[in-house]
Amino acid sequence: MNNSRLVKISKYLSFVLRHHPEKIGIKLDPHGWVAIEELLIAAKHDNFPIWETELYTVVEKNDKKRFSLDSSGTLIRANQGHSVEVDLQLEPQIPPDILYHGTGSHAIDSIKKTGLQKMSRHHVHLSNDVNKAINVAKRRSGKPMILVVDAMAMSQDSYHFYLSANHVWLVDEVPPRYLQISSILRREKRLF
């Protein structure tokens, strides 16, 4: 199975399981799950047929682990990043002292004013791995920028953090006072 096919399937699944299930006529349950059989039939009717083995390969081998199967192996959902209403049943967790967020330089002025906002998604996405944040930043427009989040201070100030099944840290917002621009990609380090 070639890698470009798996990437196309992953993007398709992200689109329908995170943002627009109605576009192919499926309905997610309140926790974001849909029956694999129903998804495969709907994808076929949408002129994007997916073999069951391809679906399992995408779930297993996707480098970002964007999707999960339930314990029975008959349901699938996206792990986070939804713009549709779902309850992923995540419990608050105490985060590491520092987390990272990758962005493009075009967003820095806005972030200085409002901090990191979830926008159309359910949460702001953060990583405890700076390399993952760098990879995210490289996909954004403008020069890649890494923001360092003082997650422990936020937690102590009663902000709730959640950890998704694929180890992405989630929070409702990150106010500017908890952010720094990382010196990893910049020479100077500056507090907002």
C-alpha atoms as a PDB file:
ATOM      1  CA  MET A   1       0.000   0.000   0.000  1.00  0.00           C
ATOM      2  CA  ASN A   2       1.609   3.273  -1.028  1.00  0.00           C
ATOM      3  CA  ASN A   3       2.168   6.133   1.401  1.00  0.00           C
ATOM      4  CA  SER A   4       0.367   8.783  -0.673  1.00  0.00           C
ATOM      5  CA  ARG A   5      -2.814   6.672  -0.563  1.00  0.00           C
ATOM      6  CA  LEU A   6      -2.551   6.411   3.235  1.00  0.00           C
ATOM      7  CA  VAL A   7      -2.067  10.194   3.512  1.00  0.00           C
ATOM      8  CA  LYS A   8      -5.174  10.784   1.358  1.00  0.00           C
ATOM      9  CA  ILE A   9      -7.202   8.400   3.529  1.00  0.00           C
ATOM     10  CA  SER A  10      -5.949  10.074   6.709  1.00  0.00           C
ATOM     11  CA  LYS A  11      -6.925  13.520   5.412  1.00  0.00           C
ATOM     12  CA  TYR A  12     -10.325  12.224   4.340  1.00  0.00           C
ATOM     13  CA  LEU A  13     -10.927  10.626   7.735  1.00  0.00           C
ATOM     14  CA  SER A  14      -9.849  13.823   9.500  1.00  0.00           C
ATOM     15  CA  PHE A  15     -12.305  15.813   7.403  1.00  0.00           C
ATOM     16  CA  VAL A  16     -15.292  13.557   8.099  1.00  0.00           C
ATOM     17  CA  LEU A  17     -14.525  12.432  11.664  1.00  0.00           C
ATOM     18  CA  ARG A  18     -13.420  15.834  12.986  1.00  0.00           C
ATOM     19  CA  HIS A  19     -15.324  18.395  10.983  1.00  0.00           C
ATOM     20  CA  HIS A  20     -18.013  17.265   8.518  1.00  0.00           C
ATOM     21  CA  PRO A  21     -19.524  13.821   9.110  1.00  0.00           C
ATOM     22  CA  GLU A  22     -22.751  15.059   7.520  1.00  0.00           C
ATOM     23  CA  LYS A  23     -20.969  15.533   4.166  1.00  0.00           C
ATOM     24  CA  ILE A  24     -20.960  11.757   3.692  1.00  0.00           C
ATOM     25  CA  GLY A  25     -24.162  11.058   5.602  1.00  0.00           C
ATOM     26  CA  ILE A  26     -22.779   9.654   8.845  1.00  0.00           C
ATOM     27  CA  LYS A  27     -23.594  10.712  12.376  1.00  0.00           C
ATOM     28  CA  LEU A  28     -21.061  10.539  15.192  1.00  0.00           C
ATOM     29  CA  ASP A  29     -22.301   9.392  18.562  1.00  0.00           C
ATOM     30  CA  PRO A  30     -21.973  11.889  21.465  1.00  0.00           C
ATOM     31  CA  HIS A  31     -18.368  10.731  22.053  1.00  0.00           C
ATOM     32  CA  GLY A  32     -17.269  10.979  18.425  1.00  0.00           C
ATOM     33  CA  TRP A  33     -17.535   7.282  17.533  1.00  0.00           C
ATOM     34  CA  VAL A  34     -19.000   5.850  14.334  1.00  0.00           C
ATOM     35  CA  ALA A  35     -19.273   2.231  13.229  1.00  0.00           C
ATOM     36  CA  ILE A  36     -16.469   1.288  10.842  1.00  0.00           C
ATOM     37  CA  GLU A  37     -18.917  -0.556   8.594  1.00  0.00           C
ATOM     38  CA  GLU A  38     -21.127   2.558   8.352  1.00  0.00           C
ATOM     39  CA  LEU A  39     -18.095   4.753   7.605  1.00  0.00           C
ATOM     40  CA  LEU A  40     -16.806   2.457   4.863  1.00  0.00           C
ATOM     41  CA  ILE A  41     -20.235   2.276   3.176  1.00  0.00           C
ATOM     42  CA  ALA A  42     -20.645   6.068   3.365  1.00  0.00           C
ATOM     43  CA  ALA A  43     -17.131   6.646   1.981  1.00  0.00           C
ATOM     44  CA  LYS A  44     -17.901   4.319  -0.935  1.00  0.00           C
ATOM     45  CA  HIS A  45     -21.116   6.244  -1.684  1.00  0.00           C
ATOM     46  CA  ASP A  46     -19.035   9.444  -1.513  1.00  0.00           C
ATOM     47  CA  ASN A  47     -16.809   8.039  -4.293  1.00  0.00           C
ATOM     48  CA  PHE A  48     -13.908   7.567  -1.891  1.00  0.00           C
ATOM     49  CA  PRO A  49     -13.867   3.803  -1.300  1.00  0.00           C
ATOM     50  CA  ILE A  50     -11.622   2.638   1.523  1.00  0.00           C
ATOM     51  CA  TRP A  51     -10.680  -0.982   2.129  1.00  0.00           C
ATOM     52  CA  GLU A  52     -11.002  -2.124   5.727  1.00  0.00           C
ATOM     53  CA  THR A  53      -7.312  -3.102   5.745  1.00  0.00           C
ATOM     54  CA  GLU A  54      -6.400   0.431   4.600  1.00  0.00           C
ATOM     55  CA  LEU A  55      -8.441   1.914   7.426  1.00  0.00           C
ATOM     56  CA  TYR A  56      -6.700  -0.262  10.024  1.00  0.00           C
ATOM     57  CA  THR A  57      -3.309   0.608   8.529  1.00  0.00           C
ATOM     58  CA  VAL A  58      -4.052   4.348   8.785  1.00  0.00           C
ATOM     59  CA  VAL A  59      -5.156   3.980  12.408  1.00  0.00           C
ATOM     60  CA  GLU A  60      -2.095   1.908  13.293  1.00  0.00           C
ATOM     61  CA  LYS A  61       0.610   3.663  11.285  1.00  0.00           C
ATOM     62  CA  ASN A  62      -0.445   7.320  11.238  1.00  0.00           C
ATOM     63  CA  ASP A  63       2.522   9.179  12.717  1.00  0.00           C
ATOM     64  CA  LYS A  64       0.229  11.525  14.642  1.00  0.00           C
ATOM     65  CA  LYS A  65      -2.067   8.736  15.877  1.00  0.00           C
ATOM     66  CA  ARG A  66      -5.083  10.823  14.920  1.00  0.00           C
ATOM     67  CA  PHE A  67      -7.612   7.989  15.169  1.00  0.00           C
ATOM     68  CA  SER A  68      -8.610   5.327  17.676  1.00  0.00           C
ATOM     69  CA  LEU A  69     -10.615   2.137  17.568  1.00  0.00           C
ATOM     70  CA  ASP A  70     -12.821   1.144  20.477  1.00  0.00           C
ATOM     71  CA  SER A  71     -12.044  -2.010  22.453  1.00  0.00           C
ATOM     72  CA  SER A  72     -14.319  -4.087  20.194  1.00  0.00           C
ATOM     73  CA  GLY A  73     -12.543  -2.871  17.050  1.00  0.00           C
ATOM     74  CA  THR A  74     -15.877  -1.981  15.431  1.00  0.00           C
ATOM     75  CA  LEU A  75     -15.948   1.786  16.088  1.00  0.00           C
ATOM     76  CA  ILE A  76     -13.552   4.552  15.057  1.00  0.00           C
ATOM     77  CA  ARG A  77     -13.121   8.187  16.080  1.00  0.00           C
ATOM     78  CA  ALA A  78     -10.667  11.052  15.796  1.00  0.00           C
ATOM     79  CA  ASN A  79      -8.634  11.546  18.973  1.00  0.00           C
ATOM     80  CA  GLN A  80      -8.908  15.344  19.046  1.00  0.00           C
ATOM     81  CA  GLY A  81      -9.192  18.404  16.815  1.00  0.00           C
ATOM     82  CA  HIS A  82     -12.957  18.338  16.354  1.00  0.00           C
ATOM     83  CA  SER A  83     -14.927  21.351  15.240  1.00  0.00           C
ATOM     84  CA  VAL A  84     -18.181  19.378  15.657  1.00  0.00           C
ATOM     85  CA  GLU A  85     -19.649  18.871  19.107  1.00  0.00           C
ATOM     86  CA  VAL A  86     -18.302  15.719  20.789  1.00  0.00           C
ATOM     87  CA  ASP A  87     -17.424  14.737  24.338  1.00  0.00           C
ATOM     88  CA  LEU A  88     -14.187  12.761  24.264  1.00  0.00           C
ATOM     89  CA  GLN A  89     -14.679  11.907  27.955  1.00  0.00           C
ATOM     90  CA  LEU A  90     -11.242  13.199  28.888  1.00  0.00           C
ATOM     91  CA  GLU A  91     -10.456  13.755  32.537  1.00  0.00           C
ATOM     92  CA  PRO A  92      -8.408  16.756  33.716  1.00  0.00           C
ATOM     93  CA  GLN A  93      -4.696  15.943  34.075  1.00  0.00           C
ATOM     94  CA  ILE A  94      -1.801  17.758  35.691  1.00  0.00           C
ATOM     95  CA  PRO A  95       0.420  18.843  32.796  1.00  0.00           C
ATOM     96  CA  PRO A  96       4.206  18.873  32.634  1.00  0.00           C
ATOM     97  CA  ASP A  97       5.812  22.129  33.750  1.00  0.00           C
ATOM     98  CA  ILE A  98       6.273  23.286  30.159  1.00  0.00           C
ATOM     99  CA  LEU A  99       4.420  22.559  26.940  1.00  0.00           C
ATOM    100  CA  TYR A 100       5.018  23.797  23.390  1.00  0.00           C
ATOM    101  CA  HIS A 101       2.900  25.205  20.575  1.00  0.00           C
ATOM    102  CA  GLY A 102       4.057  25.549  16.981  1.00  0.00           C
ATOM    103  CA  THR A 103       2.772  28.407  14.852  1.00  0.00           C
ATOM    104  CA  GLY A 104       3.772  30.696  12.018  1.00  0.00           C
ATOM    105  CA  SER A 105       5.184  34.198  12.440  1.00  0.00           C
ATOM    106  CA  HIS A 106       2.031  35.668  10.857  1.00  0.00           C
ATOM    107  CA  ALA A 107       0.068  34.807  14.024  1.00  0.00           C
ATOM    108  CA  ILE A 108       2.457  36.243  16.615  1.00  0.00           C
ATOM    109  CA  ASP A 109       0.959  39.765  16.804  1.00  0.00           C
ATOM    110  CA  SER A 110      -2.503  38.354  17.407  1.00  0.00           C
ATOM    111  CA  ILE A 111      -1.195  35.839  19.962  1.00  0.00           C
ATOM    112  CA  LYS A 112       0.559  38.646  21.868  1.00  0.00           C
ATOM    113  CA  LYS A 113      -2.832  40.337  22.284  1.00  0.00           C
ATOM    114  CA  THR A 114      -5.191  37.421  22.882  1.00  0.00           C
ATOM    115  CA  GLY A 115      -2.974  34.429  23.648  1.00  0.00           C
ATOM    116  CA  LEU A 116      -3.692  31.064  22.075  1.00  0.00           C
ATOM    117  CA  GLN A 117      -7.379  30.593  21.325  1.00  0.00           C
ATOM    118  CA  LYS A 118      -9.139  27.399  20.279  1.00  0.00           C
ATOM    119  CA  MET A 119     -10.857  29.151  17.363  1.00  0.00           C
ATOM    120  CA  SER A 120     -13.242  26.662  15.682  1.00  0.00           C
ATOM    121  CA  ARG A 121     -11.839  23.654  17.539  1.00  0.00           C
ATOM    122  CA  HIS A 122     -12.700  22.416  21.004  1.00  0.00           C
ATOM    123  CA  HIS A 123      -9.255  23.090  22.470  1.00  0.00           C
ATOM    124  CA  VAL A 124      -5.839  24.617  21.938  1.00  0.00           C
ATOM    125  CA  HIS A 125      -3.378  21.834  21.056  1.00  0.00           C
ATOM    126  CA  LEU A 126      -0.042  21.653  22.882  1.00  0.00           C
ATOM    127  CA  SER A 127       2.850  19.212  22.902  1.00  0.00           C
ATOM    128  CA  ASN A 128       5.385  18.121  25.494  1.00  0.00           C
ATOM    129  CA  ASP A 129       7.772  17.369  22.610  1.00  0.00           C
ATOM    130  CA  VAL A 130       9.420  20.424  21.073  1.00  0.00           C
ATOM    131  CA  ASN A 131      10.180  18.506  17.862  1.00  0.00           C
ATOM    132  CA  LYS A 132       6.472  17.831  17.325  1.00  0.00           C
ATOM    133  CA  ALA A 133       5.773  21.536  17.860  1.00  0.00           C
ATOM    134  CA  ILE A 134       8.479  22.395  15.318  1.00  0.00           C
ATOM    135  CA  ASN A 135       6.834  20.080  12.764  1.00  0.00           C
ATOM    136  CA  VAL A 136       3.481  21.797  13.370  1.00  0.00           C
ATOM    137  CA  ALA A 137       5.102  25.242  13.007  1.00  0.00           C
ATOM    138  CA  LYS A 138       6.640  24.280   9.678  1.00  0.00           C
ATOM    139  CA  ARG A 139       3.147  23.631   8.271  1.00  0.00           C
ATOM    140  CA  ARG A 140       1.984  27.160   9.136  1.00  0.00           C
ATOM    141  CA  SER A 141       2.449  30.237   6.971  1.00  0.00           C
ATOM    142  CA  GLY A 142       5.342  32.526   7.729  1.00  0.00           C
ATOM    143  CA  LYS A 143       8.519  31.744   9.615  1.00  0.00           C
ATOM    144  CA  PRO A 144       8.095  28.789  12.032  1.00  0.00           C
ATOM    145  CA  MET A 145       7.771  29.922  15.645  1.00  0.00           C
ATOM    146  CA  ILE A 146       7.706  27.868  18.841  1.00  0.00           C
ATOM    147  CA  LEU A 147       5.851  29.142  21.877  1.00  0.00           C
ATOM    148  CA  VAL A 148       6.691  27.872  25.335  1.00  0.00           C
ATOM    149  CA  VAL A 149       3.670  27.515  27.615  1.00  0.00           C
ATOM    150  CA  ASP A 150       4.075  27.740  31.394  1.00  0.00           C
ATOM    151  CA  ALA A 151       1.587  24.925  31.861  1.00  0.00           C
ATOM    152  CA  MET A 152       2.330  24.383  35.541  1.00  0.00           C
ATOM    153  CA  ALA A 153       1.549  28.029  36.354  1.00  0.00           C
ATOM    154  CA  MET A 154      -1.668  27.727  34.362  1.00  0.00           C
ATOM    155  CA  SER A 155      -2.607  24.551  36.194  1.00  0.00           C
ATOM    156  CA  GLN A 156      -1.930  26.243  39.523  1.00  0.00           C
ATOM    157  CA  ASP A 157      -4.165  29.095  38.357  1.00  0.00           C
ATOM    158  CA  SER A 158      -7.042  26.610  37.832  1.00  0.00           C
ATOM    159  CA  TYR A 159      -6.812  26.062  34.074  1.00  0.00           C
ATOM    160  CA  HIS A 160      -7.803  22.508  33.162  1.00  0.00           C
ATOM    161  CA  PHE A 161      -5.598  20.397  30.895  1.00  0.00           C
ATOM    162  CA  TYR A 162      -6.561  17.169  29.159  1.00  0.00           C
ATOM    163  CA  LEU A 163      -4.426  14.532  27.486  1.00  0.00           C
ATOM    164  CA  SER A 164      -5.839  12.980  24.303  1.00  0.00           C
ATOM    165  CA  ALA A 165      -5.380   9.340  23.349  1.00  0.00           C
ATOM    166  CA  ASN A 166      -2.535  10.347  21.024  1.00  0.00           C
ATOM    167  CA  HIS A 167      -0.738  12.375  23.703  1.00  0.00           C
ATOM    168  CA  VAL A 168      -1.732  15.859  22.585  1.00  0.00           C
ATOM    169  CA  TRP A 169      -2.273  18.213  25.518  1.00  0.00           C
ATOM    170  CA  LEU A 170      -5.521  20.160  25.290  1.00  0.00           C
ATOM    171  CA  VAL A 171      -6.631  23.345  27.067  1.00  0.00           C
ATOM    172  CA  ASP A 172      -9.403  25.877  26.415  1.00  0.00           C
ATOM    173  CA  GLU A 173      -7.017  28.826  25.971  1.00  0.00           C
ATOM    174  CA  VAL A 174      -3.532  30.071  26.838  1.00  0.00           C
ATOM    175  CA  PRO A 175      -3.488  33.736  27.922  1.00  0.00           C
ATOM    176  CA  PRO A 176      -0.429  35.768  26.802  1.00  0.00           C
ATOM    177  CA  ARG A 177       1.039  35.971  30.317  1.00  0.00           C
ATOM    178  CA  TYR A 178       1.829  32.222  30.179  1.00  0.00           C
ATOM    179  CA  LEU A 179       3.671  32.381  26.843  1.00  0.00           C
ATOM    180  CA  GLN A 180       7.246  32.932  25.695  1.00  0.00           C
ATOM    181  CA  ILE A 181       8.783  32.728  22.261  1.00  0.00           C
ATOM    182  CA  SER A 182      11.257  29.862  22.325  1.00  0.00           C
ATOM    183  CA  SER A 183      14.940  30.447  21.726  1.00  0.00           C
ATOM    184  CA  ILE A 184      15.044  27.114  19.871  1.00  0.00           C
ATOM    185  CA  LEU A 185      14.199  28.793  16.567  1.00  0.00           C
ATOM    186  CA  ARG A 186      15.145  32.362  17.569  1.00  0.00           C
ATOM    187  CA  ARG A 187      18.250  33.873  19.065  1.00  0.00           C
ATOM    188  CA  GLU A 188      16.524  36.038  21.651  1.00  0.00           C
ATOM    189  CA  LYS A 189      14.003  34.852  24.167  1.00  0.00           C
ATOM    190  CA  ARG A 190      11.258  37.280  25.006  1.00  0.00           C
ATOM    191  CA  LEU A 191       8.319  37.204  27.365  1.00  0.00           C
ATOM    192  CA  PHE A 192       5.050  38.624  26.056  1.00  0.00           C
END
